[in-house]
Amino acid sequence: MIEGSLPPVEFWCELQCPDCRSALDDVRALRDRFGDALTITLRHFPLEKHKHAYPAAEAAEEAFAQGKGWEYVEAVLARVAELDQRGPELLVEVAAELGLDAEEVDLALIDGRHMLVVDADQAEGKAIGVTGTPTYVVAGKRLDGGKSQEGLLEEIVALLEG
């Protein structure tokens, strides 16, 4: 590791997961503390129990392609209960509200252009032992936030500064 550089943080997330919505507070705190020195990468781990999680991951990838991925992720997670009820309709609506090309988001859900990214994330997650969300991988260590997020922020900071 280069002197003064930080290891990246992988945030394994599912956009229909209420715990991931809560975990955004930790992600924001990390950004506030470390700024541009820290890279936080969203990794997709849609769970089968949430029927709109996979399309939400695809829509998020399109939002990243359009340059507003994190804003999109935060906006969708803020409306988890509504996503459960409205599904893809909400995903396109959120894109429009953020000034994204909503038609392109809708088309991405239809043509599956981001399926390979979501499938690859899911396969890698399973391979490294991710079983639920949120999960973080920091400096090669997996931290499971699905059971409890208590103390996770402090543990991530310790790994980053260690």
N, C-alpha and C. Protein backbone atom coordinates (compact mmCIF):
# COMPACT_ATOMS: atom_id res chain seq x y z
N MET A 1 0.85 -1.18 0.00
CA MET A 1 0.00 0.00 0.00
C MET A 1 0.89 1.24 0.00
N ILE A 2 0.55 2.21 -0.81
CA ILE A 2 1.30 3.45 -0.89
C ILE A 2 1.13 4.22 0.42
N GLU A 3 2.20 4.84 0.86
CA GLU A 3 2.16 5.63 2.10
C GLU A 3 1.03 6.64 2.04
N GLY A 4 0.18 6.63 3.03
CA GLY A 4 -0.91 7.60 3.11
C GLY A 4 -2.16 7.19 2.35
N SER A 5 -2.11 6.09 1.60
CA SER A 5 -3.30 5.68 0.87
C SER A 5 -4.13 4.73 1.74
N LEU A 6 -5.39 4.66 1.42
CA LEU A 6 -6.30 3.81 2.19
C LEU A 6 -6.75 2.64 1.35
N PRO A 7 -6.96 1.48 1.97
CA PRO A 7 -7.54 0.38 1.21
C PRO A 7 -8.98 0.73 0.83
N PRO A 8 -9.44 0.24 -0.30
CA PRO A 8 -10.83 0.53 -0.67
C PRO A 8 -11.81 -0.21 0.24
N VAL A 9 -13.01 0.31 0.30
CA VAL A 9 -14.09 -0.34 1.05
C VAL A 9 -15.11 -0.84 0.03
N GLU A 10 -15.44 -2.12 0.12
CA GLU A 10 -16.52 -2.66 -0.69
C GLU A 10 -17.76 -2.69 0.19
N PHE A 11 -18.82 -2.10 -0.32
CA PHE A 11 -20.10 -2.06 0.39
C PHE A 11 -21.05 -2.98 -0.37
N TRP A 12 -21.23 -4.18 0.16
CA TRP A 12 -22.12 -5.17 -0.46
C TRP A 12 -23.53 -4.82 0.00
N CYS A 13 -24.38 -4.53 -0.96
CA CYS A 13 -25.66 -3.90 -0.67
C CYS A 13 -26.78 -4.52 -1.50
N GLU A 14 -27.97 -4.36 -0.99
CA GLU A 14 -29.18 -4.78 -1.69
C GLU A 14 -30.18 -3.64 -1.53
N LEU A 15 -30.67 -3.13 -2.65
CA LEU A 15 -31.44 -1.88 -2.61
C LEU A 15 -32.88 -2.04 -2.11
N GLN A 16 -33.27 -3.23 -1.71
CA GLN A 16 -34.57 -3.41 -1.10
C GLN A 16 -34.41 -3.81 0.37
N CYS A 17 -33.22 -3.58 0.92
CA CYS A 17 -32.87 -4.01 2.27
C CYS A 17 -32.91 -2.83 3.24
N PRO A 18 -33.81 -2.86 4.22
CA PRO A 18 -33.88 -1.77 5.20
C PRO A 18 -32.57 -1.59 5.98
N ASP A 19 -31.84 -2.68 6.24
CA ASP A 19 -30.57 -2.56 6.96
C ASP A 19 -29.53 -1.80 6.13
N CYS A 20 -29.60 -1.95 4.81
CA CYS A 20 -28.67 -1.21 3.94
C CYS A 20 -28.99 0.28 3.99
N ARG A 21 -30.25 0.60 4.10
CA ARG A 21 -30.63 2.01 4.24
C ARG A 21 -29.99 2.59 5.50
N SER A 22 -30.06 1.86 6.60
CA SER A 22 -29.43 2.31 7.85
C SER A 22 -27.91 2.39 7.71
N ALA A 23 -27.34 1.46 6.97
CA ALA A 23 -25.88 1.42 6.80
C ALA A 23 -25.35 2.63 6.04
N LEU A 24 -26.20 3.31 5.30
CA LEU A 24 -25.77 4.51 4.57
C LEU A 24 -25.22 5.57 5.53
N ASP A 25 -25.70 5.59 6.76
CA ASP A 25 -25.16 6.53 7.75
C ASP A 25 -23.68 6.27 7.97
N ASP A 26 -23.29 4.99 8.03
CA ASP A 26 -21.87 4.65 8.19
C ASP A 26 -21.07 5.03 6.94
N VAL A 27 -21.66 4.78 5.76
CA VAL A 27 -20.98 5.14 4.51
C VAL A 27 -20.75 6.65 4.46
N ARG A 28 -21.76 7.42 4.83
CA ARG A 28 -21.62 8.89 4.85
C ARG A 28 -20.54 9.32 5.86
N ALA A 29 -20.54 8.67 7.02
CA ALA A 29 -19.55 9.01 8.05
C ALA A 29 -18.13 8.72 7.55
N LEU A 30 -17.96 7.63 6.82
CA LEU A 30 -16.65 7.30 6.27
C LEU A 30 -16.22 8.35 5.23
N ARG A 31 -17.17 8.75 4.39
CA ARG A 31 -16.86 9.78 3.39
C ARG A 31 -16.49 11.10 4.06
N ASP A 32 -17.24 11.45 5.11
CA ASP A 32 -16.95 12.70 5.83
C ASP A 32 -15.56 12.66 6.46
N ARG A 33 -15.22 11.52 7.00
CA ARG A 33 -13.94 11.41 7.73
C ARG A 33 -12.73 11.35 6.80
N PHE A 34 -12.86 10.60 5.69
CA PHE A 34 -11.70 10.35 4.84
C PHE A 34 -11.74 11.07 3.49
N GLY A 35 -12.89 11.60 3.12
CA GLY A 35 -13.00 12.36 1.88
C GLY A 35 -12.59 11.58 0.66
N ASP A 36 -11.89 12.27 -0.25
CA ASP A 36 -11.49 11.66 -1.52
C ASP A 36 -10.38 10.62 -1.37
N ALA A 37 -9.78 10.54 -0.20
CA ALA A 37 -8.72 9.54 0.02
C ALA A 37 -9.30 8.12 0.09
N LEU A 38 -10.60 8.01 0.26
CA LEU A 38 -11.25 6.71 0.41
C LEU A 38 -12.13 6.40 -0.79
N THR A 39 -11.96 5.22 -1.34
CA THR A 39 -12.82 4.74 -2.40
C THR A 39 -13.80 3.74 -1.80
N ILE A 40 -15.09 4.02 -1.96
CA ILE A 40 -16.13 3.09 -1.53
C ILE A 40 -16.81 2.58 -2.78
N THR A 41 -16.78 1.27 -2.97
CA THR A 41 -17.35 0.65 -4.15
C THR A 41 -18.62 -0.09 -3.77
N LEU A 42 -19.68 0.19 -4.49
CA LEU A 42 -20.94 -0.53 -4.28
C LEU A 42 -20.84 -1.87 -4.99
N ARG A 43 -21.13 -2.92 -4.26
CA ARG A 43 -21.20 -4.27 -4.83
C ARG A 43 -22.62 -4.78 -4.60
N HIS A 44 -23.16 -5.44 -5.62
CA HIS A 44 -24.55 -5.86 -5.57
C HIS A 44 -24.69 -7.28 -5.03
N PHE A 45 -25.62 -7.44 -4.10
CA PHE A 45 -25.94 -8.77 -3.57
C PHE A 45 -27.45 -8.86 -3.37
N PRO A 46 -28.21 -8.87 -4.50
CA PRO A 46 -29.67 -8.95 -4.36
C PRO A 46 -30.08 -10.30 -3.78
N LEU A 47 -30.96 -10.24 -2.81
CA LEU A 47 -31.44 -11.45 -2.14
C LEU A 47 -32.74 -11.92 -2.79
N GLU A 48 -32.89 -13.24 -2.89
CA GLU A 48 -34.08 -13.80 -3.54
C GLU A 48 -35.38 -13.41 -2.85
N LYS A 49 -35.33 -13.16 -1.56
CA LYS A 49 -36.55 -12.84 -0.82
C LYS A 49 -37.13 -11.48 -1.20
N HIS A 50 -36.35 -10.64 -1.87
CA HIS A 50 -36.81 -9.32 -2.30
C HIS A 50 -36.92 -9.29 -3.82
N LYS A 51 -38.15 -9.34 -4.32
CA LYS A 51 -38.36 -9.53 -5.77
C LYS A 51 -37.90 -8.35 -6.62
N HIS A 52 -37.74 -7.17 -6.04
CA HIS A 52 -37.33 -6.01 -6.84
C HIS A 52 -35.85 -5.65 -6.64
N ALA A 53 -35.13 -6.46 -5.86
CA ALA A 53 -33.72 -6.16 -5.57
C ALA A 53 -32.85 -6.30 -6.81
N TYR A 54 -33.09 -7.30 -7.62
CA TYR A 54 -32.26 -7.50 -8.81
C TYR A 54 -32.47 -6.37 -9.82
N PRO A 55 -33.73 -6.02 -10.18
CA PRO A 55 -33.91 -4.89 -11.08
C PRO A 55 -33.36 -3.58 -10.49
N ALA A 56 -33.45 -3.43 -9.17
CA ALA A 56 -32.90 -2.23 -8.54
C ALA A 56 -31.39 -2.17 -8.73
N ALA A 57 -30.71 -3.30 -8.64
CA ALA A 57 -29.27 -3.35 -8.87
C ALA A 57 -28.95 -2.98 -10.32
N GLU A 58 -29.74 -3.49 -11.25
CA GLU A 58 -29.54 -3.15 -12.66
C GLU A 58 -29.75 -1.65 -12.89
N ALA A 59 -30.79 -1.10 -12.30
CA ALA A 59 -31.08 0.33 -12.45
C ALA A 59 -29.96 1.17 -11.84
N ALA A 60 -29.42 0.72 -10.71
CA ALA A 60 -28.31 1.44 -10.08
C ALA A 60 -27.09 1.44 -10.98
N GLU A 61 -26.82 0.32 -11.64
CA GLU A 61 -25.69 0.28 -12.56
C GLU A 61 -25.88 1.27 -13.71
N GLU A 62 -27.11 1.39 -14.19
CA GLU A 62 -27.38 2.39 -15.24
C GLU A 62 -27.18 3.79 -14.70
N ALA A 63 -27.58 4.02 -13.46
CA ALA A 63 -27.38 5.34 -12.85
C ALA A 63 -25.89 5.65 -12.71
N PHE A 64 -25.08 4.65 -12.35
CA PHE A 64 -23.63 4.85 -12.30
C PHE A 64 -23.09 5.18 -13.69
N ALA A 65 -23.61 4.48 -14.71
CA ALA A 65 -23.19 4.75 -16.09
C ALA A 65 -23.52 6.18 -16.50
N GLN A 66 -24.59 6.72 -15.93
CA GLN A 66 -25.00 8.09 -16.24
C GLN A 66 -24.40 9.11 -15.27
N GLY A 67 -23.54 8.65 -14.34
CA GLY A 67 -22.81 9.56 -13.48
C GLY A 67 -23.46 9.95 -12.17
N LYS A 68 -24.57 9.29 -11.80
CA LYS A 68 -25.23 9.62 -10.54
C LYS A 68 -25.58 8.36 -9.74
N GLY A 69 -24.65 7.43 -9.72
CA GLY A 69 -24.92 6.16 -9.07
C GLY A 69 -25.20 6.24 -7.59
N TRP A 70 -24.32 6.92 -6.85
CA TRP A 70 -24.52 6.98 -5.40
C TRP A 70 -25.78 7.76 -5.04
N GLU A 71 -26.06 8.84 -5.78
CA GLU A 71 -27.29 9.59 -5.51
C GLU A 71 -28.51 8.70 -5.72
N TYR A 72 -28.44 7.89 -6.77
CA TYR A 72 -29.54 6.98 -7.08
C TYR A 72 -29.71 5.93 -5.98
N VAL A 73 -28.60 5.33 -5.58
CA VAL A 73 -28.63 4.31 -4.52
C VAL A 73 -29.27 4.88 -3.25
N GLU A 74 -28.82 6.07 -2.86
CA GLU A 74 -29.37 6.68 -1.65
C GLU A 74 -30.86 6.98 -1.80
N ALA A 75 -31.27 7.46 -2.97
CA ALA A 75 -32.68 7.80 -3.19
C ALA A 75 -33.57 6.55 -3.17
N VAL A 76 -33.09 5.46 -3.75
CA VAL A 76 -33.88 4.22 -3.75
C VAL A 76 -33.94 3.63 -2.35
N LEU A 77 -32.81 3.61 -1.65
CA LEU A 77 -32.81 3.07 -0.29
C LEU A 77 -33.71 3.89 0.65
N ALA A 78 -33.84 5.18 0.38
CA ALA A 78 -34.71 6.02 1.20
C ALA A 78 -36.18 5.63 1.02
N ARG A 79 -36.46 4.87 -0.04
CA ARG A 79 -37.85 4.51 -0.35
C ARG A 79 -38.04 2.99 -0.44
N VAL A 80 -37.34 2.26 0.43
CA VAL A 80 -37.38 0.80 0.44
C VAL A 80 -38.81 0.25 0.49
N ALA A 81 -39.63 0.77 1.38
CA ALA A 81 -41.00 0.26 1.51
C ALA A 81 -41.80 0.51 0.24
N GLU A 82 -41.58 1.66 -0.36
CA GLU A 82 -42.28 1.99 -1.60
C GLU A 82 -41.79 1.10 -2.75
N LEU A 83 -40.51 0.77 -2.78
CA LEU A 83 -39.97 -0.13 -3.80
C LEU A 83 -40.65 -1.49 -3.69
N ASP A 84 -40.87 -1.94 -2.48
CA ASP A 84 -41.54 -3.22 -2.26
C ASP A 84 -42.92 -3.23 -2.92
N GLN A 85 -43.61 -2.11 -2.87
CA GLN A 85 -44.96 -2.01 -3.43
C GLN A 85 -44.98 -1.73 -4.93
N ARG A 86 -44.06 -0.87 -5.41
CA ARG A 86 -44.17 -0.37 -6.78
C ARG A 86 -43.15 -0.93 -7.76
N GLY A 87 -42.08 -1.50 -7.27
CA GLY A 87 -41.10 -2.15 -8.14
C GLY A 87 -40.48 -1.24 -9.19
N PRO A 88 -40.33 -1.77 -10.42
CA PRO A 88 -39.65 -1.04 -11.49
C PRO A 88 -40.22 0.35 -11.79
N GLU A 89 -41.50 0.52 -11.58
CA GLU A 89 -42.10 1.85 -11.79
C GLU A 89 -41.41 2.89 -10.92
N LEU A 90 -41.14 2.54 -9.66
CA LEU A 90 -40.45 3.45 -8.76
C LEU A 90 -39.01 3.68 -9.21
N LEU A 91 -38.35 2.65 -9.68
CA LEU A 91 -36.96 2.77 -10.11
C LEU A 91 -36.81 3.80 -11.23
N VAL A 92 -37.75 3.79 -12.17
CA VAL A 92 -37.72 4.74 -13.28
C VAL A 92 -38.09 6.14 -12.78
N GLU A 93 -39.06 6.21 -11.87
CA GLU A 93 -39.48 7.50 -11.31
C GLU A 93 -38.33 8.18 -10.56
N VAL A 94 -37.59 7.42 -9.77
CA VAL A 94 -36.46 7.98 -9.03
C VAL A 94 -35.40 8.51 -10.00
N ALA A 95 -35.17 7.77 -11.08
CA ALA A 95 -34.20 8.22 -12.09
C ALA A 95 -34.61 9.57 -12.66
N ALA A 96 -35.88 9.72 -12.97
CA ALA A 96 -36.37 10.99 -13.53
C ALA A 96 -36.22 12.12 -12.51
N GLU A 97 -36.53 11.82 -11.24
CA GLU A 97 -36.43 12.84 -10.19
C GLU A 97 -34.99 13.34 -10.02
N LEU A 98 -34.01 12.47 -10.30
CA LEU A 98 -32.60 12.84 -10.15
C LEU A 98 -32.02 13.46 -11.42
N GLY A 99 -32.86 13.58 -12.45
CA GLY A 99 -32.39 14.16 -13.69
C GLY A 99 -31.64 13.19 -14.59
N LEU A 100 -31.77 11.91 -14.31
CA LEU A 100 -31.17 10.89 -15.17
C LEU A 100 -32.06 10.70 -16.40
N ASP A 101 -31.55 10.04 -17.40
CA ASP A 101 -32.36 9.66 -18.56
C ASP A 101 -33.21 8.46 -18.14
N ALA A 102 -34.42 8.74 -17.69
CA ALA A 102 -35.30 7.70 -17.15
C ALA A 102 -35.66 6.67 -18.21
N GLU A 103 -35.80 7.10 -19.45
CA GLU A 103 -36.10 6.14 -20.53
C GLU A 103 -34.96 5.14 -20.68
N GLU A 104 -33.74 5.62 -20.51
CA GLU A 104 -32.57 4.74 -20.61
C GLU A 104 -32.54 3.76 -19.43
N VAL A 105 -32.93 4.22 -18.25
CA VAL A 105 -33.02 3.32 -17.09
C VAL A 105 -34.07 2.25 -17.36
N ASP A 106 -35.22 2.66 -17.86
CA ASP A 106 -36.28 1.72 -18.18
C ASP A 106 -35.80 0.71 -19.23
N LEU A 107 -35.13 1.20 -20.25
CA LEU A 107 -34.62 0.33 -21.31
C LEU A 107 -33.58 -0.65 -20.75
N ALA A 108 -32.74 -0.18 -19.84
CA ALA A 108 -31.73 -1.06 -19.23
C ALA A 108 -32.39 -2.20 -18.46
N LEU A 109 -33.55 -1.93 -17.86
CA LEU A 109 -34.28 -2.98 -17.14
C LEU A 109 -34.86 -4.00 -18.12
N ILE A 110 -35.18 -3.53 -19.31
CA ILE A 110 -35.77 -4.41 -20.32
C ILE A 110 -34.69 -5.21 -21.05
N ASP A 111 -33.62 -4.52 -21.46
CA ASP A 111 -32.62 -5.21 -22.29
C ASP A 111 -31.55 -5.95 -21.49
N GLY A 112 -31.51 -5.74 -20.17
CA GLY A 112 -30.60 -6.51 -19.32
C GLY A 112 -29.13 -6.19 -19.51
N ARG A 113 -28.82 -4.98 -19.95
CA ARG A 113 -27.42 -4.63 -20.27
C ARG A 113 -26.49 -4.68 -19.05
N HIS A 114 -27.05 -4.64 -17.85
CA HIS A 114 -26.19 -4.65 -16.65
C HIS A 114 -26.27 -5.97 -15.87
N MET A 115 -26.94 -6.95 -16.46
CA MET A 115 -27.08 -8.24 -15.77
C MET A 115 -25.73 -8.89 -15.45
N LEU A 116 -24.79 -8.81 -16.38
CA LEU A 116 -23.49 -9.46 -16.16
C LEU A 116 -22.77 -8.88 -14.95
N VAL A 117 -22.87 -7.57 -14.75
CA VAL A 117 -22.23 -6.93 -13.60
C VAL A 117 -22.89 -7.41 -12.30
N VAL A 118 -24.21 -7.41 -12.29
CA VAL A 118 -24.95 -7.84 -11.09
C VAL A 118 -24.68 -9.32 -10.80
N ASP A 119 -24.72 -10.15 -11.86
CA ASP A 119 -24.46 -11.58 -11.68
C ASP A 119 -23.04 -11.84 -11.18
N ALA A 120 -22.08 -11.09 -11.73
CA ALA A 120 -20.69 -11.27 -11.31
C ALA A 120 -20.51 -10.87 -9.85
N ASP A 121 -21.12 -9.75 -9.46
CA ASP A 121 -21.04 -9.34 -8.05
C ASP A 121 -21.62 -10.42 -7.15
N GLN A 122 -22.80 -10.90 -7.53
CA GLN A 122 -23.48 -11.90 -6.71
C GLN A 122 -22.63 -13.17 -6.58
N ALA A 123 -22.04 -13.61 -7.68
CA ALA A 123 -21.21 -14.81 -7.65
C ALA A 123 -19.96 -14.60 -6.80
N GLU A 124 -19.32 -13.43 -6.95
CA GLU A 124 -18.14 -13.14 -6.14
C GLU A 124 -18.50 -13.06 -4.67
N GLY A 125 -19.64 -12.41 -4.38
CA GLY A 125 -20.09 -12.31 -3.00
C GLY A 125 -20.25 -13.68 -2.36
N LYS A 126 -20.91 -14.58 -3.09
CA LYS A 126 -21.09 -15.94 -2.57
C LYS A 126 -19.74 -16.62 -2.36
N ALA A 127 -18.82 -16.41 -3.30
CA ALA A 127 -17.50 -17.04 -3.23
C ALA A 127 -16.69 -16.57 -2.01
N ILE A 128 -16.88 -15.32 -1.60
CA ILE A 128 -16.11 -14.82 -0.46
C ILE A 128 -16.88 -14.92 0.86
N GLY A 129 -18.07 -15.50 0.81
CA GLY A 129 -18.81 -15.75 2.04
C GLY A 129 -19.86 -14.73 2.42
N VAL A 130 -20.21 -13.83 1.49
CA VAL A 130 -21.30 -12.89 1.78
C VAL A 130 -22.59 -13.70 1.82
N THR A 131 -23.36 -13.55 2.88
CA THR A 131 -24.63 -14.27 3.00
C THR A 131 -25.81 -13.32 3.13
N GLY A 132 -25.53 -12.06 3.44
CA GLY A 132 -26.60 -11.08 3.61
C GLY A 132 -26.05 -9.69 3.47
N THR A 133 -26.94 -8.74 3.58
CA THR A 133 -26.54 -7.34 3.43
C THR A 133 -26.99 -6.54 4.63
N PRO A 134 -26.29 -5.48 4.95
CA PRO A 134 -25.05 -5.01 4.34
C PRO A 134 -23.85 -5.82 4.82
N THR A 135 -22.87 -5.94 3.94
CA THR A 135 -21.59 -6.55 4.29
C THR A 135 -20.52 -5.61 3.75
N TYR A 136 -19.44 -5.48 4.49
CA TYR A 136 -18.32 -4.66 4.05
C TYR A 136 -17.10 -5.57 3.90
N VAL A 137 -16.25 -5.25 2.93
CA VAL A 137 -14.94 -5.88 2.84
C VAL A 137 -13.93 -4.75 2.87
N VAL A 138 -13.07 -4.79 3.90
CA VAL A 138 -12.08 -3.75 4.12
C VAL A 138 -10.74 -4.43 4.41
N ALA A 139 -9.74 -4.08 3.62
CA ALA A 139 -8.39 -4.65 3.82
C ALA A 139 -8.44 -6.17 3.90
N GLY A 140 -9.27 -6.77 3.04
CA GLY A 140 -9.38 -8.22 2.98
C GLY A 140 -10.23 -8.86 4.06
N LYS A 141 -10.80 -8.07 4.94
CA LYS A 141 -11.62 -8.62 6.03
C LYS A 141 -13.10 -8.34 5.74
N ARG A 142 -13.90 -9.39 5.88
CA ARG A 142 -15.36 -9.28 5.68
C ARG A 142 -16.05 -8.96 7.00
N LEU A 143 -16.88 -7.92 6.97
CA LEU A 143 -17.63 -7.51 8.15
C LEU A 143 -19.11 -7.59 7.83
N ASP A 144 -19.83 -8.42 8.57
CA ASP A 144 -21.24 -8.65 8.30
C ASP A 144 -22.11 -7.69 9.10
N GLY A 145 -22.77 -6.77 8.40
CA GLY A 145 -23.66 -5.83 9.06
C GLY A 145 -25.10 -6.28 9.09
N GLY A 146 -25.39 -7.43 8.50
CA GLY A 146 -26.76 -7.93 8.47
C GLY A 146 -27.26 -8.38 9.84
N LYS A 147 -26.35 -8.89 10.65
CA LYS A 147 -26.74 -9.33 11.99
C LYS A 147 -26.83 -8.14 12.93
N SER A 148 -25.79 -7.29 12.88
CA SER A 148 -25.77 -6.09 13.70
C SER A 148 -24.78 -5.11 13.11
N GLN A 149 -25.15 -3.84 13.10
CA GLN A 149 -24.23 -2.82 12.62
C GLN A 149 -23.50 -2.15 13.79
N GLU A 150 -23.80 -2.62 14.98
CA GLU A 150 -23.19 -2.07 16.19
C GLU A 150 -21.68 -2.21 16.14
N GLY A 151 -20.98 -1.09 16.22
CA GLY A 151 -19.53 -1.10 16.27
C GLY A 151 -18.84 -1.28 14.93
N LEU A 152 -19.61 -1.44 13.85
CA LEU A 152 -18.99 -1.68 12.55
C LEU A 152 -18.20 -0.48 12.05
N LEU A 153 -18.75 0.70 12.21
CA LEU A 153 -18.06 1.90 11.75
C LEU A 153 -16.68 2.00 12.40
N GLU A 154 -16.61 1.79 13.70
CA GLU A 154 -15.35 1.86 14.41
C GLU A 154 -14.38 0.79 13.91
N GLU A 155 -14.90 -0.40 13.63
CA GLU A 155 -14.05 -1.48 13.13
C GLU A 155 -13.51 -1.16 11.74
N ILE A 156 -14.36 -0.57 10.89
CA ILE A 156 -13.91 -0.18 9.54
C ILE A 156 -12.83 0.89 9.64
N VAL A 157 -13.06 1.89 10.48
CA VAL A 157 -12.06 2.96 10.67
C VAL A 157 -10.74 2.37 11.15
N ALA A 158 -10.80 1.44 12.09
CA ALA A 158 -9.57 0.82 12.61
C ALA A 158 -8.83 0.08 11.50
N LEU A 159 -9.56 -0.61 10.64
CA LEU A 159 -8.92 -1.32 9.52
C LEU A 159 -8.31 -0.34 8.53
N LEU A 160 -9.00 0.76 8.29
CA LEU A 160 -8.49 1.76 7.35
C LEU A 160 -7.25 2.48 7.88
N GLU A 161 -7.26 2.73 9.16
CA GLU A 161 -6.14 3.48 9.75
C GLU A 161 -5.01 2.58 10.23
N GLY A 162 -5.31 1.27 10.31
CA GLY A 162 -4.35 0.30 10.84
C GLY A 162 -3.21 0.10 9.93
